[in-house]
Amino acid sequence: MCLGIPGKIIAITDAARLMAMAEVSGVRREVNVACVAGNDLEALVGAWTLIHVGFAMSLIDEDEAARTLEALRDLGEAQEALDQMAAADEALA
């Protein structure tokens, strides 16, 4: 299964290579925007995208980005609770 993480494009870093800086939950990393690039790369600044292995795969709106980030946080919290339950079970055994 592939998982795209919502990220906001904050700057174009290398137009010739179609590279931009994206911010994902406070972490900045360079991503390739070839899959979402139009004629005006600067128009991507401020846009939300789904990012997978260093590529901006598709454009999404801010509401979808917020819902996806919330779901990912919930999944992380659920996994943490499951890990704690498993550790407690192991301690009892």
PDB file of N, CA and C in Angstrom:
ATOM      1  N   MET A   1       0.837  -1.174   0.000  1.00  0.00           N
ATOM      2  CA  MET A   1       0.000   0.000   0.000  1.00  0.00           C
ATOM      3  C   MET A   1       0.883   1.239   0.000  1.00  0.00           C
ATOM      4  N   CYS A   2       0.550   2.188  -0.802  1.00  0.00           N
ATOM      5  CA  CYS A   2       1.268   3.457  -0.847  1.00  0.00           C
ATOM      6  C   CYS A   2       0.529   4.472   0.002  1.00  0.00           C
ATOM      7  N   LEU A   3       1.284   5.306   0.679  1.00  0.00           N
ATOM      8  CA  LEU A   3       0.700   6.308   1.544  1.00  0.00           C
ATOM      9  C   LEU A   3       1.237   7.667   1.163  1.00  0.00           C
ATOM     10  N   GLY A   4       0.341   8.566   0.814  1.00  0.00           N
ATOM     11  CA  GLY A   4       0.722   9.939   0.520  1.00  0.00           C
ATOM     12  C   GLY A   4       0.486  10.789   1.754  1.00  0.00           C
ATOM     13  N   ILE A   5       1.459  11.596   2.116  1.00  0.00           N
ATOM     14  CA  ILE A   5       1.369  12.470   3.275  1.00  0.00           C
ATOM     15  C   ILE A   5       1.120  13.895   2.777  1.00  0.00           C
ATOM     16  N   PRO A   6       0.121  14.582   3.324  1.00  0.00           N
ATOM     17  CA  PRO A   6      -0.128  15.963   2.901  1.00  0.00           C
ATOM     18  C   PRO A   6       1.029  16.883   3.262  1.00  0.00           C
ATOM     19  N   GLY A   7       1.422  17.698   2.312  1.00  0.00           N
ATOM     20  CA  GLY A   7       2.456  18.698   2.536  1.00  0.00           C
ATOM     21  C   GLY A   7       2.129  19.952   1.765  1.00  0.00           C
ATOM     22  N   LYS A   8       2.569  21.076   2.290  1.00  0.00           N
ATOM     23  CA  LYS A   8       2.314  22.371   1.655  1.00  0.00           C
ATOM     24  C   LYS A   8       3.585  22.846   0.963  1.00  0.00           C
ATOM     25  N   ILE A   9       3.468  23.211  -0.310  1.00  0.00           N
ATOM     26  CA  ILE A   9       4.607  23.751  -1.061  1.00  0.00           C
ATOM     27  C   ILE A   9       4.863  25.167  -0.561  1.00  0.00           C
ATOM     28  N   ILE A  10       6.099  25.411  -0.089  1.00  0.00           N
ATOM     29  CA  ILE A  10       6.398  26.726   0.453  1.00  0.00           C
ATOM     30  C   ILE A  10       7.358  27.534  -0.416  1.00  0.00           C
ATOM     31  N   ALA A  11       8.051  26.873  -1.345  1.00  0.00           N
ATOM     32  CA  ALA A  11       8.970  27.589  -2.241  1.00  0.00           C
ATOM     33  C   ALA A  11       9.386  26.684  -3.387  1.00  0.00           C
ATOM     34  N   ILE A  12       9.696  27.299  -4.508  1.00  0.00           N
ATOM     35  CA  ILE A  12      10.310  26.579  -5.627  1.00  0.00           C
ATOM     36  C   ILE A  12      11.812  26.713  -5.422  1.00  0.00           C
ATOM     37  N   THR A  13      12.506  25.583  -5.346  1.00  0.00           N
ATOM     38  CA  THR A  13      13.941  25.619  -5.063  1.00  0.00           C
ATOM     39  C   THR A  13      14.799  25.479  -6.309  1.00  0.00           C
ATOM     40  N   ASP A  14      14.310  24.805  -7.328  1.00  0.00           N
ATOM     41  CA  ASP A  14      15.069  24.616  -8.568  1.00  0.00           C
ATOM     42  C   ASP A  14      14.071  24.358  -9.700  1.00  0.00           C
ATOM     43  N   ALA A  15      13.700  25.432 -10.382  1.00  0.00           N
ATOM     44  CA  ALA A  15      12.684  25.322 -11.432  1.00  0.00           C
ATOM     45  C   ALA A  15      13.124  24.401 -12.568  1.00  0.00           C
ATOM     46  N   ALA A  16      14.391  24.419 -12.910  1.00  0.00           N
ATOM     47  CA  ALA A  16      14.885  23.585 -14.010  1.00  0.00           C
ATOM     48  C   ALA A  16      14.718  22.097 -13.711  1.00  0.00           C
ATOM     49  N   ARG A  17      14.882  21.726 -12.445  1.00  0.00           N
ATOM     50  CA  ARG A  17      14.749  20.318 -12.037  1.00  0.00           C
ATOM     51  C   ARG A  17      13.363  20.003 -11.472  1.00  0.00           C
ATOM     52  N   LEU A  18      12.462  21.001 -11.492  1.00  0.00           N
ATOM     53  CA  LEU A  18      11.097  20.857 -10.966  1.00  0.00           C
ATOM     54  C   LEU A  18      11.110  20.448  -9.489  1.00  0.00           C
ATOM     55  N   MET A  19      11.930  21.127  -8.706  1.00  0.00           N
ATOM     56  CA  MET A  19      12.057  20.844  -7.277  1.00  0.00           C
ATOM     57  C   MET A  19      11.479  21.992  -6.461  1.00  0.00           C
ATOM     58  N   ALA A  20      10.837  21.618  -5.353  1.00  0.00           N
ATOM     59  CA  ALA A  20      10.233  22.606  -4.465  1.00  0.00           C
ATOM     60  C   ALA A  20      10.467  22.187  -3.022  1.00  0.00           C
ATOM     61  N   MET A  21      10.329  23.152  -2.115  1.00  0.00           N
ATOM     62  CA  MET A  21      10.404  22.873  -0.688  1.00  0.00           C
ATOM     63  C   MET A  21       8.971  22.692  -0.202  1.00  0.00           C
ATOM     64  N   ALA A  22       8.746  21.578   0.494  1.00  0.00           N
ATOM     65  CA  ALA A  22       7.431  21.295   1.060  1.00  0.00           C
ATOM     66  C   ALA A  22       7.563  21.199   2.572  1.00  0.00           C
ATOM     67  N   GLU A  23       6.503  21.598   3.252  1.00  0.00           N
ATOM     68  CA  GLU A  23       6.467  21.469   4.708  1.00  0.00           C
ATOM     69  C   GLU A  23       5.420  20.435   5.066  1.00  0.00           C
ATOM     70  N   VAL A  24       5.860  19.419   5.815  1.00  0.00           N
ATOM     71  CA  VAL A  24       4.988  18.330   6.246  1.00  0.00           C
ATOM     72  C   VAL A  24       5.026  18.292   7.765  1.00  0.00           C
ATOM     73  N   SER A  25       3.933  18.723   8.386  1.00  0.00           N
ATOM     74  CA  SER A  25       3.847  18.724   9.860  1.00  0.00           C
ATOM     75  C   SER A  25       5.053  19.399  10.507  1.00  0.00           C
ATOM     76  N   GLY A  26       5.456  20.532   9.973  1.00  0.00           N
ATOM     77  CA  GLY A  26       6.560  21.286  10.538  1.00  0.00           C
ATOM     78  C   GLY A  26       7.939  20.898  10.047  1.00  0.00           C
ATOM     79  N   VAL A  27       8.027  19.817   9.283  1.00  0.00           N
ATOM     80  CA  VAL A  27       9.310  19.362   8.752  1.00  0.00           C
ATOM     81  C   VAL A  27       9.391  19.760   7.278  1.00  0.00           C
ATOM     82  N   ARG A  28      10.495  20.369   6.915  1.00  0.00           N
ATOM     83  CA  ARG A  28      10.686  20.801   5.519  1.00  0.00           C
ATOM     84  C   ARG A  28      11.595  19.828   4.791  1.00  0.00           C
ATOM     85  N   ARG A  29      11.189  19.534   3.548  1.00  0.00           N
ATOM     86  CA  ARG A  29      12.035  18.678   2.713  1.00  0.00           C
ATOM     87  C   ARG A  29      11.789  19.036   1.258  1.00  0.00           C
ATOM     88  N   GLU A  30      12.797  18.781   0.446  1.00  0.00           N
ATOM     89  CA  GLU A  30      12.697  19.074  -0.976  1.00  0.00           C
ATOM     90  C   GLU A  30      11.969  17.925  -1.673  1.00  0.00           C
ATOM     91  N   VAL A  31      11.044  18.280  -2.560  1.00  0.00           N
ATOM     92  CA  VAL A  31      10.279  17.280  -3.295  1.00  0.00           C
ATOM     93  C   VAL A  31      10.260  17.646  -4.776  1.00  0.00           C
ATOM     94  N   ASN A  32      10.058  16.632  -5.593  1.00  0.00           N
ATOM     95  CA  ASN A  32       9.925  16.823  -7.031  1.00  0.00           C
ATOM     96  C   ASN A  32       8.455  17.093  -7.329  1.00  0.00           C
ATOM     97  N   VAL A  33       8.184  18.146  -8.107  1.00  0.00           N
ATOM     98  CA  VAL A  33       6.799  18.529  -8.408  1.00  0.00           C
ATOM     99  C   VAL A  33       6.413  18.254  -9.866  1.00  0.00           C
ATOM    100  N   ALA A  34       7.163  17.404 -10.548  1.00  0.00           N
ATOM    101  CA  ALA A  34       6.897  17.128 -11.964  1.00  0.00           C
ATOM    102  C   ALA A  34       5.470  16.628 -12.201  1.00  0.00           C
ATOM    103  N   CYS A  35       4.928  15.847 -11.270  1.00  0.00           N
ATOM    104  CA  CYS A  35       3.590  15.273 -11.451  1.00  0.00           C
ATOM    105  C   CYS A  35       2.471  16.301 -11.307  1.00  0.00           C
ATOM    106  N   VAL A  36       2.762  17.441 -10.660  1.00  0.00           N
ATOM    107  CA  VAL A  36       1.719  18.451 -10.430  1.00  0.00           C
ATOM    108  C   VAL A  36       2.039  19.793 -11.076  1.00  0.00           C
ATOM    109  N   ALA A  37       3.182  19.865 -11.757  1.00  0.00           N
ATOM    110  CA  ALA A  37       3.633  21.136 -12.333  1.00  0.00           C
ATOM    111  C   ALA A  37       2.775  21.542 -13.521  1.00  0.00           C
ATOM    112  N   GLY A  38       2.421  22.798 -13.529  1.00  0.00           N
ATOM    113  CA  GLY A  38       1.744  23.386 -14.682  1.00  0.00           C
ATOM    114  C   GLY A  38       2.731  24.308 -15.385  1.00  0.00           C
ATOM    115  N   ASN A  39       2.202  25.269 -16.122  1.00  0.00           N
ATOM    116  CA  ASN A  39       3.067  26.210 -16.833  1.00  0.00           C
ATOM    117  C   ASN A  39       3.760  27.191 -15.896  1.00  0.00           C
ATOM    118  N   ASP A  40       3.139  27.474 -14.737  1.00  0.00           N
ATOM    119  CA  ASP A  40       3.670  28.450 -13.795  1.00  0.00           C
ATOM    120  C   ASP A  40       3.986  27.754 -12.469  1.00  0.00           C
ATOM    121  N   LEU A  41       5.249  27.400 -12.270  1.00  0.00           N
ATOM    122  CA  LEU A  41       5.639  26.716 -11.047  1.00  0.00           C
ATOM    123  C   LEU A  41       5.363  27.541  -9.802  1.00  0.00           C
ATOM    124  N   GLU A  42       5.512  28.844  -9.886  1.00  0.00           N
ATOM    125  CA  GLU A  42       5.277  29.705  -8.724  1.00  0.00           C
ATOM    126  C   GLU A  42       3.832  29.611  -8.244  1.00  0.00           C
ATOM    127  N   ALA A  43       2.915  29.210  -9.121  1.00  0.00           N
ATOM    128  CA  ALA A  43       1.517  29.045  -8.723  1.00  0.00           C
ATOM    129  C   ALA A  43       1.346  27.903  -7.726  1.00  0.00           C
ATOM    130  N   LEU A  44       2.337  27.004  -7.647  1.00  0.00           N
ATOM    131  CA  LEU A  44       2.275  25.898  -6.684  1.00  0.00           C
ATOM    132  C   LEU A  44       2.562  26.337  -5.253  1.00  0.00           C
ATOM    133  N   VAL A  45       3.235  27.472  -5.083  1.00  0.00           N
ATOM    134  CA  VAL A  45       3.567  27.939  -3.736  1.00  0.00           C
ATOM    135  C   VAL A  45       2.266  28.199  -2.978  1.00  0.00           C
ATOM    136  N   GLY A  46       2.139  27.546  -1.832  1.00  0.00           N
ATOM    137  CA  GLY A  46       0.934  27.637  -1.018  1.00  0.00           C
ATOM    138  C   GLY A  46      -0.038  26.496  -1.259  1.00  0.00           C
ATOM    139  N   ALA A  47       0.222  25.691  -2.293  1.00  0.00           N
ATOM    140  CA  ALA A  47      -0.676  24.577  -2.623  1.00  0.00           C
ATOM    141  C   ALA A  47      -0.376  23.380  -1.728  1.00  0.00           C
ATOM    142  N   TRP A  48      -1.416  22.608  -1.437  1.00  0.00           N
ATOM    143  CA  TRP A  48      -1.277  21.354  -0.690  1.00  0.00           C
ATOM    144  C   TRP A  48      -1.173  20.209  -1.671  1.00  0.00           C
ATOM    145  N   THR A  49      -0.278  19.277  -1.377  1.00  0.00           N
ATOM    146  CA  THR A  49      -0.088  18.109  -2.233  1.00  0.00           C
ATOM    147  C   THR A  49      -0.008  16.848  -1.389  1.00  0.00           C
ATOM    148  N   LEU A  50      -0.234  15.716  -2.027  1.00  0.00           N
ATOM    149  CA  LEU A  50       0.050  14.438  -1.389  1.00  0.00           C
ATOM    150  C   LEU A  50       1.458  14.048  -1.811  1.00  0.00           C
ATOM    151  N   ILE A  51       2.324  13.815  -0.847  1.00  0.00           N
ATOM    152  CA  ILE A  51       3.731  13.539  -1.116  1.00  0.00           C
ATOM    153  C   ILE A  51       4.026  12.077  -0.791  1.00  0.00           C
ATOM    154  N   HIS A  52       4.695  11.428  -1.729  1.00  0.00           N
ATOM    155  CA  HIS A  52       5.090  10.030  -1.550  1.00  0.00           C
ATOM    156  C   HIS A  52       6.518   9.868  -2.060  1.00  0.00           C
ATOM    157  N   VAL A  53       7.391   9.359  -1.238  1.00  0.00           N
ATOM    158  CA  VAL A  53       8.813   9.134  -1.518  1.00  0.00           C
ATOM    159  C   VAL A  53       9.473  10.271  -2.303  1.00  0.00           C
ATOM    160  N   GLY A  54       9.252  11.495  -1.834  1.00  0.00           N
ATOM    161  CA  GLY A  54       9.930  12.636  -2.427  1.00  0.00           C
ATOM    162  C   GLY A  54       9.281  13.227  -3.657  1.00  0.00           C
ATOM    163  N   PHE A  55       8.079  12.779  -3.986  1.00  0.00           N
ATOM    164  CA  PHE A  55       7.354  13.309  -5.145  1.00  0.00           C
ATOM    165  C   PHE A  55       6.002  13.841  -4.714  1.00  0.00           C
ATOM    166  N   ALA A  56       5.660  15.028  -5.186  1.00  0.00           N
ATOM    167  CA  ALA A  56       4.314  15.557  -5.016  1.00  0.00           C
ATOM    168  C   ALA A  56       3.455  14.869  -6.080  1.00  0.00           C
ATOM    169  N   MET A  57       2.584  13.973  -5.626  1.00  0.00           N
ATOM    170  CA  MET A  57       1.843  13.112  -6.556  1.00  0.00           C
ATOM    171  C   MET A  57       0.538  13.728  -7.067  1.00  0.00           C
ATOM    172  N   SER A  58      -0.134  14.516  -6.221  1.00  0.00           N
ATOM    173  CA  SER A  58      -1.392  15.135  -6.640  1.00  0.00           C
ATOM    174  C   SER A  58      -1.672  16.351  -5.775  1.00  0.00           C
ATOM    175  N   LEU A  59      -2.458  17.262  -6.320  1.00  0.00           N
ATOM    176  CA  LEU A  59      -2.879  18.438  -5.577  1.00  0.00           C
ATOM    177  C   LEU A  59      -4.139  18.101  -4.793  1.00  0.00           C
ATOM    178  N   ILE A  60      -4.228  18.612  -3.570  1.00  0.00           N
ATOM    179  CA  ILE A  60      -5.425  18.441  -2.749  1.00  0.00           C
ATOM    180  C   ILE A  60      -5.780  19.797  -2.144  1.00  0.00           C
ATOM    181  N   ASP A  61      -7.013  19.908  -1.650  1.00  0.00           N
ATOM    182  CA  ASP A  61      -7.367  21.177  -1.015  1.00  0.00           C
ATOM    183  C   ASP A  61      -7.000  21.135   0.472  1.00  0.00           C
ATOM    184  N   GLU A  62      -7.045  22.287   1.107  1.00  0.00           N
ATOM    185  CA  GLU A  62      -6.609  22.405   2.499  1.00  0.00           C
ATOM    186  C   GLU A  62      -7.468  21.565   3.441  1.00  0.00           C
ATOM    187  N   ASP A  63      -8.779  21.468   3.163  1.00  0.00           N
ATOM    188  CA  ASP A  63      -9.663  20.658   4.010  1.00  0.00           C
ATOM    189  C   ASP A  63      -9.285  19.185   3.954  1.00  0.00           C
ATOM    190  N   GLU A  64      -9.016  18.681   2.749  1.00  0.00           N
ATOM    191  CA  GLU A  64      -8.610  17.281   2.609  1.00  0.00           C
ATOM    192  C   GLU A  64      -7.278  17.039   3.315  1.00  0.00           C
ATOM    193  N   ALA A  65      -6.363  18.001   3.201  1.00  0.00           N
ATOM    194  CA  ALA A  65      -5.070  17.875   3.874  1.00  0.00           C
ATOM    195  C   ALA A  65      -5.271  17.775   5.384  1.00  0.00           C
ATOM    196  N   ALA A  66      -6.121  18.637   5.938  1.00  0.00           N
ATOM    197  CA  ALA A  66      -6.367  18.631   7.381  1.00  0.00           C
ATOM    198  C   ALA A  66      -7.007  17.324   7.828  1.00  0.00           C
ATOM    199  N   ARG A  67      -7.971  16.830   7.069  1.00  0.00           N
ATOM    200  CA  ARG A  67      -8.632  15.563   7.423  1.00  0.00           C
ATOM    201  C   ARG A  67      -7.639  14.398   7.368  1.00  0.00           C
ATOM    202  N   THR A  68      -6.796  14.385   6.355  1.00  0.00           N
ATOM    203  CA  THR A  68      -5.816  13.303   6.219  1.00  0.00           C
ATOM    204  C   THR A  68      -4.788  13.347   7.340  1.00  0.00           C
ATOM    205  N   LEU A  69      -4.296  14.542   7.672  1.00  0.00           N
ATOM    206  CA  LEU A  69      -3.333  14.662   8.763  1.00  0.00           C
ATOM    207  C   LEU A  69      -3.952  14.233  10.089  1.00  0.00           C
ATOM    208  N   GLU A  70      -5.220  14.581  10.316  1.00  0.00           N
ATOM    209  CA  GLU A  70      -5.907  14.164  11.537  1.00  0.00           C
ATOM    210  C   GLU A  70      -6.042  12.644  11.588  1.00  0.00           C
ATOM    211  N   ALA A  71      -6.415  12.035  10.470  1.00  0.00           N
ATOM    212  CA  ALA A  71      -6.541  10.575  10.424  1.00  0.00           C
ATOM    213  C   ALA A  71      -5.201   9.903  10.686  1.00  0.00           C
ATOM    214  N   LEU A  72      -4.123  10.451  10.146  1.00  0.00           N
ATOM    215  CA  LEU A  72      -2.789   9.882  10.377  1.00  0.00           C
ATOM    216  C   LEU A  72      -2.378  10.009  11.840  1.00  0.00           C
ATOM    217  N   ARG A  73      -2.713  11.150  12.459  1.00  0.00           N
ATOM    218  CA  ARG A  73      -2.429  11.317  13.889  1.00  0.00           C
ATOM    219  C   ARG A  73      -3.218  10.296  14.706  1.00  0.00           C
ATOM    220  N   ASP A  74      -4.502  10.110  14.354  1.00  0.00           N
ATOM    221  CA  ASP A  74      -5.338   9.133  15.063  1.00  0.00           C
ATOM    222  C   ASP A  74      -4.780   7.724  14.912  1.00  0.00           C
ATOM    223  N   LEU A  75      -4.320   7.374  13.713  1.00  0.00           N
ATOM    224  CA  LEU A  75      -3.727   6.056  13.501  1.00  0.00           C
ATOM    225  C   LEU A  75      -2.483   5.872  14.354  1.00  0.00           C
ATOM    226  N   GLY A  76      -1.679   6.898  14.448  1.00  0.00           N
ATOM    227  CA  GLY A  76      -0.477   6.835  15.270  1.00  0.00           C
ATOM    228  C   GLY A  76      -0.812   6.646  16.736  1.00  0.00           C
ATOM    229  N   GLU A  77      -1.843   7.358  17.210  1.00  0.00           N
ATOM    230  CA  GLU A  77      -2.263   7.213  18.596  1.00  0.00           C
ATOM    231  C   GLU A  77      -2.836   5.825  18.844  1.00  0.00           C
ATOM    232  N   ALA A  78      -3.609   5.309  17.884  1.00  0.00           N
ATOM    233  CA  ALA A  78      -4.174   3.962  18.024  1.00  0.00           C
ATOM    234  C   ALA A  78      -3.059   2.925  18.070  1.00  0.00           C
ATOM    235  N   GLN A  79      -2.050   3.073  17.219  1.00  0.00           N
ATOM    236  CA  GLN A  79      -0.927   2.134  17.206  1.00  0.00           C
ATOM    237  C   GLN A  79      -0.171   2.194  18.527  1.00  0.00           C
ATOM    238  N   GLU A  80       0.002   3.394  19.058  1.00  0.00           N
ATOM    239  CA  GLU A  80       0.691   3.550  20.338  1.00  0.00           C
ATOM    240  C   GLU A  80      -0.081   2.835  21.455  1.00  0.00           C
ATOM    241  N   ALA A  81      -1.413   2.970  21.450  1.00  0.00           N
ATOM    242  CA  ALA A  81      -2.242   2.297  22.458  1.00  0.00           C
ATOM    243  C   ALA A  81      -2.138   0.782  22.318  1.00  0.00           C
ATOM    244  N   LEU A  82      -2.148   0.289  21.070  1.00  0.00           N
ATOM    245  CA  LEU A  82      -2.013  -1.154  20.841  1.00  0.00           C
ATOM    246  C   LEU A  82      -0.654  -1.656  21.309  1.00  0.00           C
ATOM    247  N   ASP A  83       0.396  -0.889  21.057  1.00  0.00           N
ATOM    248  CA  ASP A  83       1.732  -1.275  21.504  1.00  0.00           C
ATOM    249  C   ASP A  83       1.800  -1.339  23.031  1.00  0.00           C
ATOM    250  N   GLN A  84       1.160  -0.372  23.699  1.00  0.00           N
ATOM    251  CA  GLN A  84       1.145  -0.369  25.161  1.00  0.00           C
ATOM    252  C   GLN A  84       0.377  -1.577  25.698  1.00  0.00           C
ATOM    253  N   MET A  85      -0.739  -1.915  25.054  1.00  0.00           N
ATOM    254  CA  MET A  85      -1.526  -3.072  25.481  1.00  0.00           C
ATOM    255  C   MET A  85      -0.703  -4.354  25.302  1.00  0.00           C
ATOM    256  N   ALA A  86      -0.008  -4.476  24.183  1.00  0.00           N
ATOM    257  CA  ALA A  86       0.805  -5.665  23.921  1.00  0.00           C
ATOM    258  C   ALA A  86       1.933  -5.771  24.955  1.00  0.00           C
ATOM    259  N   ALA A  87       2.543  -4.648  25.293  1.00  0.00           N
ATOM    260  CA  ALA A  87       3.616  -4.653  26.291  1.00  0.00           C
ATOM    261  C   ALA A  87       3.082  -5.069  27.658  1.00  0.00           C
ATOM    262  N   ALA A  88       1.882  -4.601  27.995  1.00  0.00           N
ATOM    263  CA  ALA A  88       1.269  -4.960  29.274  1.00  0.00           C
ATOM    264  C   ALA A  88       0.957  -6.447  29.308  1.00  0.00           C
ATOM    265  N   ASP A  89       0.446  -6.982  28.177  1.00  0.00           N
ATOM    266  CA  ASP A  89       0.157  -8.412  28.096  1.00  0.00           C
ATOM    267  C   ASP A  89       1.424  -9.238  28.262  1.00  0.00           C
ATOM    268  N   GLU A  90       2.516  -8.804  27.652  1.00  0.00           N
ATOM    269  CA  GLU A  90       3.795  -9.524  27.751  1.00  0.00           C
ATOM    270  C   GLU A  90       4.320  -9.501  29.179  1.00  0.00           C
ATOM    271  N   ALA A  91       4.095  -8.377  29.874  1.00  0.00           N
ATOM    272  CA  ALA A  91       4.573  -8.248  31.250  1.00  0.00           C
ATOM    273  C   ALA A  91       3.816  -9.189  32.182  1.00  0.00           C
ATOM    274  N   LEU A  92       2.541  -9.455  31.854  1.00  0.00           N
ATOM    275  CA  LEU A  92       1.719 -10.359  32.680  1.00  0.00           C
ATOM    276  C   LEU A  92       2.042 -11.822  32.425  1.00  0.00           C
ATOM    277  N   ALA A  93       2.583 -12.118  31.262  1.00  0.00           N
ATOM    278  CA  ALA A  93       2.836 -13.519  30.879  1.00  0.00           C
ATOM    279  C   ALA A  93       4.038 -14.103  31.561  1.00  0.00           C
TER     280      ALA A  93
END
